[in-house]
Amino acid sequence: MALMDRVKDAANSAVQQAQGAVQEAMERDESSVRNQGAGGIMQGLMGNYSSLSPEDATRQYGMYLMPGESFVSCFALLRDKMMFTNKRIIFIDHKGMTGTKVRVDSINLNSVIDVRLETGGAGFDHAELSFSYFTSPYYKAYNPTTDSKVLEFPKGFNVQPLYCMLEELAYGNVERLNA
């Protein structure tokens, strides 16, 4: 009988811990959405990124930083995040209803090779920024593999500084690789 009681206590404790983790994730997501404001929520529903302060990003996602790395510019898309550091671009993708399952992808800044910007779209879309990058670890390979990302920003969002930063990276990377 004592063994069954211990098993029940352990199961109850595990359930309480899981419920606590889900509650924390939900509160974190609610806080993130509240910080974006009504305009940020609306833009997020339309697939557009809004600004997120590097301080908030450090508080919430600092555990994903490497030693000597810091957030430079950060953006939110409802629960998902795109954060530029001094070394890479980090994409945080919260999965499921509770958002407790998280996928973290990163792109090294030294792999960005091409940047495109399209502005003045119809409706609420203001700017579409896309960039290409190497996915193969050895950039000077005979046939390196590449991929691209497309990012959408709302009307009135000043995307030019981000474009200039990425373009400067791409130019320097292509110049370095072809030297």
N, C-alpha and C. Protein backbone atom coordinates (compact mmCIF):
# COMPACT_ATOMS: atom_id res chain seq x y z
N MET A 1 0.81 -1.18 0.00
CA MET A 1 0.00 0.00 0.00
C MET A 1 0.87 1.26 0.00
N ALA A 2 1.94 1.26 0.75
CA ALA A 2 2.82 2.43 0.83
C ALA A 2 3.46 2.71 -0.53
N LEU A 3 3.78 1.65 -1.28
CA LEU A 3 4.36 1.83 -2.60
C LEU A 3 3.37 2.50 -3.55
N MET A 4 2.13 2.10 -3.52
CA MET A 4 1.10 2.71 -4.36
C MET A 4 0.91 4.18 -4.01
N ASP A 5 0.98 4.51 -2.75
CA ASP A 5 0.83 5.91 -2.32
C ASP A 5 1.99 6.75 -2.84
N ARG A 6 3.20 6.19 -2.80
CA ARG A 6 4.36 6.92 -3.32
C ARG A 6 4.26 7.12 -4.82
N VAL A 7 3.77 6.10 -5.55
CA VAL A 7 3.60 6.20 -7.00
C VAL A 7 2.55 7.28 -7.31
N LYS A 8 1.43 7.28 -6.57
CA LYS A 8 0.39 8.29 -6.78
C LYS A 8 0.93 9.69 -6.49
N ASP A 9 1.70 9.83 -5.41
CA ASP A 9 2.29 11.13 -5.06
C ASP A 9 3.25 11.60 -6.15
N ALA A 10 4.06 10.69 -6.66
CA ALA A 10 5.01 11.06 -7.72
C ALA A 10 4.25 11.47 -8.98
N ALA A 11 3.19 10.73 -9.33
CA ALA A 11 2.40 11.07 -10.52
C ALA A 11 1.72 12.43 -10.33
N ASN A 12 1.14 12.67 -9.15
CA ASN A 12 0.51 13.96 -8.88
C ASN A 12 1.51 15.10 -8.95
N SER A 13 2.69 14.87 -8.43
CA SER A 13 3.75 15.89 -8.47
C SER A 13 4.15 16.19 -9.92
N ALA A 14 4.29 15.15 -10.74
CA ALA A 14 4.64 15.34 -12.15
C ALA A 14 3.55 16.11 -12.88
N VAL A 15 2.30 15.80 -12.61
CA VAL A 15 1.19 16.51 -13.24
C VAL A 15 1.20 17.98 -12.82
N GLN A 16 1.43 18.25 -11.54
CA GLN A 16 1.48 19.64 -11.07
C GLN A 16 2.63 20.40 -11.72
N GLN A 17 3.79 19.77 -11.88
CA GLN A 17 4.92 20.43 -12.53
C GLN A 17 4.60 20.73 -13.99
N ALA A 18 3.97 19.78 -14.67
CA ALA A 18 3.60 19.99 -16.08
C ALA A 18 2.58 21.12 -16.20
N GLN A 19 1.60 21.14 -15.31
CA GLN A 19 0.60 22.21 -15.34
C GLN A 19 1.26 23.56 -15.07
N GLY A 20 2.22 23.58 -14.16
CA GLY A 20 2.94 24.83 -13.87
C GLY A 20 3.73 25.31 -15.07
N ALA A 21 4.38 24.38 -15.78
CA ALA A 21 5.15 24.76 -16.97
C ALA A 21 4.23 25.29 -18.07
N VAL A 22 3.09 24.66 -18.26
CA VAL A 22 2.13 25.13 -19.25
C VAL A 22 1.62 26.51 -18.87
N GLN A 23 1.30 26.72 -17.59
CA GLN A 23 0.81 28.03 -17.13
C GLN A 23 1.88 29.11 -17.34
N GLU A 24 3.13 28.80 -17.03
CA GLU A 24 4.21 29.76 -17.24
C GLU A 24 4.35 30.12 -18.72
N ALA A 25 4.28 29.12 -19.59
CA ALA A 25 4.39 29.38 -21.03
C ALA A 25 3.23 30.24 -21.52
N MET A 26 2.04 29.97 -21.03
CA MET A 26 0.88 30.76 -21.44
C MET A 26 1.01 32.20 -20.96
N GLU A 27 1.48 32.38 -19.73
CA GLU A 27 1.67 33.74 -19.20
C GLU A 27 2.75 34.48 -19.97
N ARG A 28 3.83 33.77 -20.33
CA ARG A 28 4.91 34.38 -21.11
C ARG A 28 4.40 34.82 -22.48
N ASP A 29 3.60 33.97 -23.12
CA ASP A 29 3.03 34.31 -24.42
C ASP A 29 2.05 35.48 -24.32
N GLU A 30 1.21 35.47 -23.28
CA GLU A 30 0.27 36.58 -23.08
C GLU A 30 1.03 37.88 -22.87
N SER A 31 2.10 37.83 -22.09
CA SER A 31 2.91 39.03 -21.85
C SER A 31 3.54 39.52 -23.13
N SER A 32 4.05 38.59 -23.93
CA SER A 32 4.67 38.96 -25.21
C SER A 32 3.66 39.62 -26.12
N VAL A 33 2.46 39.07 -26.20
CA VAL A 33 1.41 39.63 -27.05
C VAL A 33 0.98 40.99 -26.53
N ARG A 34 0.85 41.13 -25.20
CA ARG A 34 0.47 42.43 -24.61
C ARG A 34 1.52 43.48 -24.94
N ASN A 35 2.80 43.12 -24.89
CA ASN A 35 3.88 44.08 -25.17
C ASN A 35 3.85 44.55 -26.62
N GLN A 36 3.30 43.73 -27.53
CA GLN A 36 3.22 44.12 -28.93
C GLN A 36 2.09 45.12 -29.17
N GLY A 37 1.09 45.17 -28.28
CA GLY A 37 -0.03 46.09 -28.46
C GLY A 37 -0.97 45.59 -29.54
N ALA A 38 -2.09 46.29 -29.68
CA ALA A 38 -3.12 45.88 -30.64
C ALA A 38 -2.59 45.91 -32.06
N GLY A 39 -1.79 46.92 -32.40
CA GLY A 39 -1.23 47.01 -33.75
C GLY A 39 -0.30 45.85 -34.03
N GLY A 40 0.50 45.46 -33.03
CA GLY A 40 1.41 44.34 -33.20
C GLY A 40 0.68 43.03 -33.39
N ILE A 41 -0.44 42.85 -32.67
CA ILE A 41 -1.23 41.63 -32.83
C ILE A 41 -1.83 41.58 -34.22
N MET A 42 -2.40 42.70 -34.65
CA MET A 42 -3.02 42.74 -35.98
C MET A 42 -1.97 42.47 -37.07
N GLN A 43 -0.81 43.10 -36.94
CA GLN A 43 0.25 42.87 -37.91
C GLN A 43 0.72 41.42 -37.87
N GLY A 44 0.81 40.85 -36.67
CA GLY A 44 1.22 39.46 -36.54
C GLY A 44 0.23 38.52 -37.20
N LEU A 45 -1.07 38.79 -37.05
CA LEU A 45 -2.08 37.96 -37.70
C LEU A 45 -1.96 38.04 -39.23
N MET A 46 -1.48 39.18 -39.72
CA MET A 46 -1.31 39.34 -41.16
C MET A 46 0.05 38.84 -41.63
N GLY A 47 0.88 38.32 -40.71
CA GLY A 47 2.17 37.76 -41.09
C GLY A 47 3.29 38.78 -41.12
N ASN A 48 3.09 39.95 -40.51
CA ASN A 48 4.12 40.99 -40.49
C ASN A 48 4.82 41.02 -39.13
N TYR A 49 6.11 41.26 -39.17
CA TYR A 49 6.89 41.38 -37.94
C TYR A 49 6.72 42.76 -37.32
N SER A 50 6.83 42.83 -35.99
CA SER A 50 6.87 44.10 -35.27
C SER A 50 8.12 44.10 -34.40
N SER A 51 8.50 45.26 -33.90
CA SER A 51 9.75 45.40 -33.14
C SER A 51 9.64 44.75 -31.75
N LEU A 52 10.77 44.26 -31.27
CA LEU A 52 10.92 43.71 -29.94
C LEU A 52 12.25 44.24 -29.41
N SER A 53 12.27 44.75 -28.21
CA SER A 53 13.50 45.34 -27.70
C SER A 53 14.54 44.26 -27.40
N PRO A 54 15.83 44.57 -27.62
CA PRO A 54 16.88 43.60 -27.30
C PRO A 54 16.89 43.23 -25.81
N GLU A 55 16.46 44.15 -24.94
CA GLU A 55 16.40 43.86 -23.51
C GLU A 55 15.36 42.78 -23.22
N ASP A 56 14.15 42.93 -23.82
CA ASP A 56 13.12 41.91 -23.64
C ASP A 56 13.58 40.58 -24.22
N ALA A 57 14.22 40.61 -25.36
CA ALA A 57 14.72 39.38 -25.99
C ALA A 57 15.76 38.71 -25.09
N THR A 58 16.63 39.49 -24.48
CA THR A 58 17.64 38.92 -23.59
C THR A 58 16.99 38.28 -22.38
N ARG A 59 15.97 38.93 -21.81
CA ARG A 59 15.27 38.36 -20.66
C ARG A 59 14.60 37.04 -21.02
N GLN A 60 13.95 36.99 -22.17
CA GLN A 60 13.18 35.81 -22.54
C GLN A 60 14.01 34.72 -23.21
N TYR A 61 15.01 35.12 -24.02
CA TYR A 61 15.71 34.15 -24.86
C TYR A 61 17.22 34.19 -24.70
N GLY A 62 17.72 34.79 -23.65
CA GLY A 62 19.16 34.88 -23.42
C GLY A 62 19.84 33.53 -23.31
N MET A 63 19.08 32.50 -22.95
CA MET A 63 19.66 31.16 -22.79
C MET A 63 20.13 30.58 -24.12
N TYR A 64 19.70 31.15 -25.25
CA TYR A 64 20.11 30.65 -26.55
C TYR A 64 21.37 31.35 -27.09
N LEU A 65 21.87 32.32 -26.36
CA LEU A 65 23.05 33.06 -26.81
C LEU A 65 24.33 32.29 -26.50
N MET A 66 25.29 32.40 -27.40
CA MET A 66 26.62 31.82 -27.18
C MET A 66 27.43 32.82 -26.34
N PRO A 67 28.52 32.39 -25.72
CA PRO A 67 29.37 33.34 -24.99
C PRO A 67 29.86 34.45 -25.93
N GLY A 68 29.77 35.69 -25.48
CA GLY A 68 30.21 36.83 -26.27
C GLY A 68 29.19 37.30 -27.29
N GLU A 69 28.02 36.71 -27.29
CA GLU A 69 26.98 37.07 -28.26
C GLU A 69 25.92 37.92 -27.57
N SER A 70 25.38 38.88 -28.30
CA SER A 70 24.32 39.73 -27.73
C SER A 70 23.31 40.08 -28.82
N PHE A 71 22.07 40.34 -28.41
CA PHE A 71 21.03 40.72 -29.35
C PHE A 71 21.27 42.14 -29.83
N VAL A 72 21.08 42.37 -31.13
CA VAL A 72 21.27 43.68 -31.74
C VAL A 72 19.93 44.27 -32.16
N SER A 73 19.13 43.48 -32.85
CA SER A 73 17.84 43.93 -33.35
C SER A 73 16.89 42.75 -33.32
N CYS A 74 15.68 42.94 -32.78
CA CYS A 74 14.77 41.82 -32.59
C CYS A 74 13.36 42.16 -33.07
N PHE A 75 12.66 41.12 -33.52
CA PHE A 75 11.32 41.30 -34.06
C PHE A 75 10.42 40.17 -33.59
N ALA A 76 9.12 40.47 -33.47
CA ALA A 76 8.14 39.48 -33.02
C ALA A 76 7.06 39.31 -34.07
N LEU A 77 6.59 38.09 -34.18
CA LEU A 77 5.46 37.74 -35.04
C LEU A 77 4.54 36.90 -34.16
N LEU A 78 3.65 37.57 -33.43
CA LEU A 78 2.84 36.93 -32.39
C LEU A 78 3.77 36.20 -31.42
N ARG A 79 3.73 34.87 -31.37
CA ARG A 79 4.60 34.15 -30.42
C ARG A 79 5.99 33.90 -30.97
N ASP A 80 6.15 33.95 -32.29
CA ASP A 80 7.44 33.64 -32.90
C ASP A 80 8.34 34.87 -32.91
N LYS A 81 9.64 34.64 -32.92
CA LYS A 81 10.61 35.73 -32.85
C LYS A 81 11.69 35.55 -33.90
N MET A 82 12.24 36.69 -34.35
CA MET A 82 13.41 36.71 -35.23
C MET A 82 14.37 37.71 -34.58
N MET A 83 15.54 37.24 -34.19
CA MET A 83 16.46 38.08 -33.44
C MET A 83 17.84 38.07 -34.09
N PHE A 84 18.36 39.27 -34.34
CA PHE A 84 19.69 39.42 -34.89
C PHE A 84 20.66 39.62 -33.74
N THR A 85 21.73 38.83 -33.74
CA THR A 85 22.79 39.01 -32.76
C THR A 85 24.01 39.53 -33.51
N ASN A 86 25.10 39.68 -32.79
CA ASN A 86 26.34 40.10 -33.43
C ASN A 86 27.00 38.94 -34.20
N LYS A 87 26.41 37.71 -34.14
CA LYS A 87 27.01 36.56 -34.82
C LYS A 87 26.04 35.82 -35.75
N ARG A 88 24.73 35.92 -35.49
CA ARG A 88 23.79 35.12 -36.27
C ARG A 88 22.38 35.68 -36.18
N ILE A 89 21.49 35.07 -36.93
CA ILE A 89 20.07 35.38 -36.89
C ILE A 89 19.40 34.17 -36.24
N ILE A 90 18.64 34.41 -35.19
CA ILE A 90 17.97 33.33 -34.47
C ILE A 90 16.47 33.43 -34.73
N PHE A 91 15.87 32.30 -35.13
CA PHE A 91 14.42 32.22 -35.32
C PHE A 91 13.86 31.32 -34.23
N ILE A 92 12.92 31.84 -33.45
CA ILE A 92 12.25 31.08 -32.40
C ILE A 92 10.83 30.80 -32.89
N ASP A 93 10.47 29.53 -32.99
CA ASP A 93 9.16 29.13 -33.47
C ASP A 93 8.47 28.33 -32.36
N HIS A 94 7.48 28.96 -31.71
CA HIS A 94 6.71 28.28 -30.66
C HIS A 94 5.67 27.40 -31.33
N LYS A 95 5.61 26.15 -30.91
CA LYS A 95 4.71 25.16 -31.50
C LYS A 95 3.55 24.85 -30.55
N GLY A 96 2.44 24.45 -31.12
CA GLY A 96 1.31 23.97 -30.33
C GLY A 96 0.51 25.08 -29.66
N MET A 97 -0.57 24.69 -29.01
CA MET A 97 -1.45 25.67 -28.38
C MET A 97 -0.79 26.36 -27.19
N THR A 98 0.00 25.62 -26.44
CA THR A 98 0.61 26.21 -25.25
C THR A 98 1.93 26.89 -25.54
N GLY A 99 2.56 26.56 -26.64
CA GLY A 99 3.83 27.18 -26.99
C GLY A 99 5.00 26.64 -26.20
N THR A 100 4.80 25.53 -25.47
CA THR A 100 5.91 24.98 -24.68
C THR A 100 6.92 24.26 -25.55
N LYS A 101 6.49 23.76 -26.71
CA LYS A 101 7.43 23.15 -27.64
C LYS A 101 7.99 24.27 -28.51
N VAL A 102 9.31 24.34 -28.57
CA VAL A 102 9.97 25.44 -29.27
C VAL A 102 10.98 24.89 -30.27
N ARG A 103 11.00 25.47 -31.45
CA ARG A 103 12.03 25.15 -32.44
C ARG A 103 12.93 26.39 -32.58
N VAL A 104 14.21 26.18 -32.47
CA VAL A 104 15.18 27.27 -32.59
C VAL A 104 16.07 26.98 -33.79
N ASP A 105 16.06 27.91 -34.76
CA ASP A 105 16.93 27.81 -35.93
C ASP A 105 17.84 29.02 -35.94
N SER A 106 19.02 28.86 -36.48
CA SER A 106 19.89 30.04 -36.60
C SER A 106 20.64 30.00 -37.92
N ILE A 107 20.95 31.19 -38.39
CA ILE A 107 21.69 31.38 -39.63
C ILE A 107 22.91 32.22 -39.29
N ASN A 108 24.08 31.72 -39.61
CA ASN A 108 25.30 32.49 -39.34
C ASN A 108 25.33 33.72 -40.23
N LEU A 109 25.70 34.84 -39.66
CA LEU A 109 25.74 36.08 -40.43
C LEU A 109 26.75 35.99 -41.57
N ASN A 110 27.82 35.19 -41.38
CA ASN A 110 28.83 35.11 -42.45
C ASN A 110 28.38 34.24 -43.61
N SER A 111 27.16 33.69 -43.56
CA SER A 111 26.65 32.88 -44.67
C SER A 111 25.66 33.65 -45.56
N VAL A 112 25.26 34.86 -45.17
CA VAL A 112 24.31 35.65 -45.95
C VAL A 112 25.01 36.15 -47.22
N ILE A 113 24.41 35.89 -48.40
CA ILE A 113 25.08 36.24 -49.65
C ILE A 113 24.27 37.11 -50.59
N ASP A 114 22.97 37.28 -50.32
CA ASP A 114 22.15 38.08 -51.22
C ASP A 114 20.95 38.62 -50.45
N VAL A 115 20.56 39.86 -50.76
CA VAL A 115 19.44 40.52 -50.06
C VAL A 115 18.58 41.22 -51.09
N ARG A 116 17.27 41.12 -50.92
CA ARG A 116 16.31 41.82 -51.79
C ARG A 116 15.26 42.50 -50.94
N LEU A 117 14.83 43.68 -51.37
CA LEU A 117 13.80 44.44 -50.65
C LEU A 117 12.74 44.88 -51.65
N GLU A 118 11.49 44.63 -51.29
CA GLU A 118 10.37 45.08 -52.11
C GLU A 118 9.45 45.88 -51.20
N THR A 119 9.17 47.12 -51.58
CA THR A 119 8.32 47.97 -50.76
C THR A 119 7.07 48.39 -51.53
N GLY A 120 6.12 48.98 -50.80
CA GLY A 120 4.93 49.54 -51.44
C GLY A 120 3.93 48.51 -51.90
N GLY A 121 3.77 47.41 -51.13
CA GLY A 121 2.80 46.40 -51.51
C GLY A 121 1.38 46.87 -51.29
N ALA A 122 0.44 46.13 -51.82
CA ALA A 122 -0.97 46.47 -51.70
C ALA A 122 -1.48 46.14 -50.30
N GLY A 123 -2.55 46.79 -49.90
CA GLY A 123 -3.18 46.52 -48.61
C GLY A 123 -2.31 46.98 -47.46
N PHE A 124 -2.15 46.08 -46.49
CA PHE A 124 -1.42 46.44 -45.28
C PHE A 124 0.07 46.14 -45.36
N ASP A 125 0.50 45.34 -46.34
CA ASP A 125 1.92 45.00 -46.44
C ASP A 125 2.70 46.20 -46.93
N HIS A 126 3.78 46.49 -46.24
CA HIS A 126 4.61 47.61 -46.63
C HIS A 126 5.91 47.14 -47.27
N ALA A 127 6.55 46.17 -46.64
CA ALA A 127 7.86 45.76 -47.15
C ALA A 127 8.05 44.26 -47.02
N GLU A 128 8.71 43.71 -48.02
CA GLU A 128 9.08 42.30 -48.02
C GLU A 128 10.59 42.24 -48.21
N LEU A 129 11.27 41.74 -47.21
CA LEU A 129 12.72 41.64 -47.22
C LEU A 129 13.07 40.16 -47.33
N SER A 130 13.87 39.80 -48.32
CA SER A 130 14.29 38.41 -48.45
C SER A 130 15.80 38.36 -48.56
N PHE A 131 16.36 37.28 -48.05
CA PHE A 131 17.80 37.11 -48.15
C PHE A 131 18.13 35.65 -48.38
N SER A 132 19.23 35.43 -49.08
CA SER A 132 19.72 34.09 -49.37
C SER A 132 20.98 33.85 -48.55
N TYR A 133 21.20 32.59 -48.23
CA TYR A 133 22.35 32.24 -47.39
C TYR A 133 22.80 30.82 -47.70
N PHE A 134 24.07 30.55 -47.43
CA PHE A 134 24.61 29.21 -47.60
C PHE A 134 24.11 28.31 -46.48
N THR A 135 23.71 27.10 -46.84
CA THR A 135 23.33 26.11 -45.82
C THR A 135 24.42 25.05 -45.65
N SER A 136 25.33 24.96 -46.63
CA SER A 136 26.42 24.00 -46.51
C SER A 136 27.51 24.61 -45.62
N PRO A 137 28.15 23.78 -44.80
CA PRO A 137 29.14 24.31 -43.87
C PRO A 137 30.41 24.84 -44.53
N TYR A 138 30.74 24.32 -45.72
CA TYR A 138 31.95 24.77 -46.41
C TYR A 138 31.52 25.62 -47.59
N TYR A 139 31.68 26.92 -47.47
CA TYR A 139 31.15 27.88 -48.44
C TYR A 139 31.88 27.85 -49.78
N LYS A 140 33.12 27.39 -49.80
CA LYS A 140 33.89 27.38 -51.05
C LYS A 140 33.81 26.02 -51.75
N ALA A 141 32.81 25.24 -51.39
CA ALA A 141 32.62 23.94 -52.03
C ALA A 141 32.28 24.13 -53.51
N TYR A 142 32.45 23.08 -54.30
CA TYR A 142 32.17 23.16 -55.73
C TYR A 142 30.71 23.56 -55.99
N ASN A 143 29.80 22.98 -55.25
CA ASN A 143 28.38 23.28 -55.45
C ASN A 143 27.72 23.48 -54.08
N PRO A 144 27.97 24.62 -53.41
CA PRO A 144 27.39 24.82 -52.07
C PRO A 144 25.87 24.98 -52.16
N THR A 145 25.19 24.52 -51.12
CA THR A 145 23.72 24.63 -51.11
C THR A 145 23.32 25.95 -50.44
N THR A 146 22.21 26.50 -50.92
CA THR A 146 21.70 27.75 -50.38
C THR A 146 20.21 27.62 -50.07
N ASP A 147 19.71 28.56 -49.31
CA ASP A 147 18.29 28.66 -49.00
C ASP A 147 17.97 30.14 -48.86
N SER A 148 16.71 30.47 -48.71
CA SER A 148 16.36 31.88 -48.54
C SER A 148 15.21 32.00 -47.56
N LYS A 149 15.09 33.18 -46.97
CA LYS A 149 14.02 33.52 -46.03
C LYS A 149 13.33 34.76 -46.56
N VAL A 150 12.02 34.83 -46.39
CA VAL A 150 11.25 36.01 -46.76
C VAL A 150 10.60 36.54 -45.48
N LEU A 151 10.81 37.82 -45.22
CA LEU A 151 10.28 38.48 -44.02
C LEU A 151 9.37 39.61 -44.45
N GLU A 152 8.20 39.71 -43.82
CA GLU A 152 7.27 40.78 -44.16
C GLU A 152 7.14 41.73 -42.98
N PHE A 153 7.14 43.03 -43.29
CA PHE A 153 7.04 44.06 -42.27
C PHE A 153 5.85 44.96 -42.56
N PRO A 154 5.24 45.56 -41.51
CA PRO A 154 4.03 46.35 -41.71
C PRO A 154 4.30 47.71 -42.34
N LYS A 155 3.22 48.30 -42.84
CA LYS A 155 3.27 49.64 -43.40
C LYS A 155 3.80 50.59 -42.32
N GLY A 156 4.70 51.46 -42.70
CA GLY A 156 5.25 52.43 -41.75
C GLY A 156 6.48 51.92 -41.00
N PHE A 157 6.81 50.64 -41.10
CA PHE A 157 7.99 50.10 -40.43
C PHE A 157 9.21 50.47 -41.26
N ASN A 158 10.19 51.06 -40.64
CA ASN A 158 11.40 51.48 -41.34
C ASN A 158 12.34 50.28 -41.50
N VAL A 159 12.24 49.60 -42.63
CA VAL A 159 13.00 48.39 -42.88
C VAL A 159 14.37 48.68 -43.49
N GLN A 160 14.62 49.93 -43.91
CA GLN A 160 15.88 50.25 -44.58
C GLN A 160 17.12 49.97 -43.72
N PRO A 161 17.13 50.29 -42.42
CA PRO A 161 18.34 49.96 -41.64
C PRO A 161 18.64 48.46 -41.62
N LEU A 162 17.60 47.64 -41.52
CA LEU A 162 17.79 46.20 -41.54
C LEU A 162 18.29 45.74 -42.91
N TYR A 163 17.71 46.29 -43.96
CA TYR A 163 18.16 45.98 -45.32
C TYR A 163 19.63 46.36 -45.49
N CYS A 164 19.99 47.57 -45.07
CA CYS A 164 21.38 48.02 -45.21
C CYS A 164 22.33 47.13 -44.44
N MET A 165 21.94 46.72 -43.22
CA MET A 165 22.79 45.85 -42.42
C MET A 165 23.01 44.51 -43.13
N LEU A 166 21.92 43.91 -43.62
CA LEU A 166 22.04 42.63 -44.32
C LEU A 166 22.81 42.78 -45.63
N GLU A 167 22.57 43.86 -46.36
CA GLU A 167 23.28 44.07 -47.62
C GLU A 167 24.78 44.25 -47.39
N GLU A 168 25.13 44.97 -46.33
CA GLU A 168 26.55 45.14 -46.00
C GLU A 168 27.18 43.80 -45.67
N LEU A 169 26.45 42.96 -44.91
CA LEU A 169 26.94 41.61 -44.61
C LEU A 169 27.12 40.80 -45.89
N ALA A 170 26.10 40.81 -46.74
CA ALA A 170 26.15 40.03 -47.97
C ALA A 170 27.30 40.49 -48.85
N TYR A 171 27.46 41.78 -49.01
CA TYR A 171 28.54 42.31 -49.84
C TYR A 171 29.90 41.88 -49.29
N GLY A 172 30.10 42.04 -47.99
CA GLY A 172 31.37 41.64 -47.38
C GLY A 172 31.60 40.14 -47.48
N ASN A 173 30.54 39.34 -47.31
CA ASN A 173 30.69 37.89 -47.41
C ASN A 173 31.05 37.45 -48.83
N VAL A 174 30.39 38.00 -49.83
CA VAL A 174 30.67 37.64 -51.22
C VAL A 174 32.08 38.08 -51.59
N GLU A 175 32.46 39.28 -51.16
CA GLU A 175 33.82 39.78 -51.44
C GLU A 175 34.87 38.88 -50.78
N ARG A 176 34.63 38.48 -49.54
CA ARG A 176 35.57 37.62 -48.80
C ARG A 176 35.66 36.25 -49.47
N LEU A 177 34.53 35.69 -49.89
CA LEU A 177 34.53 34.37 -50.50
C LEU A 177 35.18 34.34 -51.87
N ASN A 178 35.13 35.45 -52.58
CA ASN A 178 35.69 35.50 -53.92
C ASN A 178 37.12 36.06 -53.95
N ALA A 179 37.68 36.34 -52.82
CA ALA A 179 39.04 36.88 -52.76
C ALA A 179 40.07 35.82 -53.06
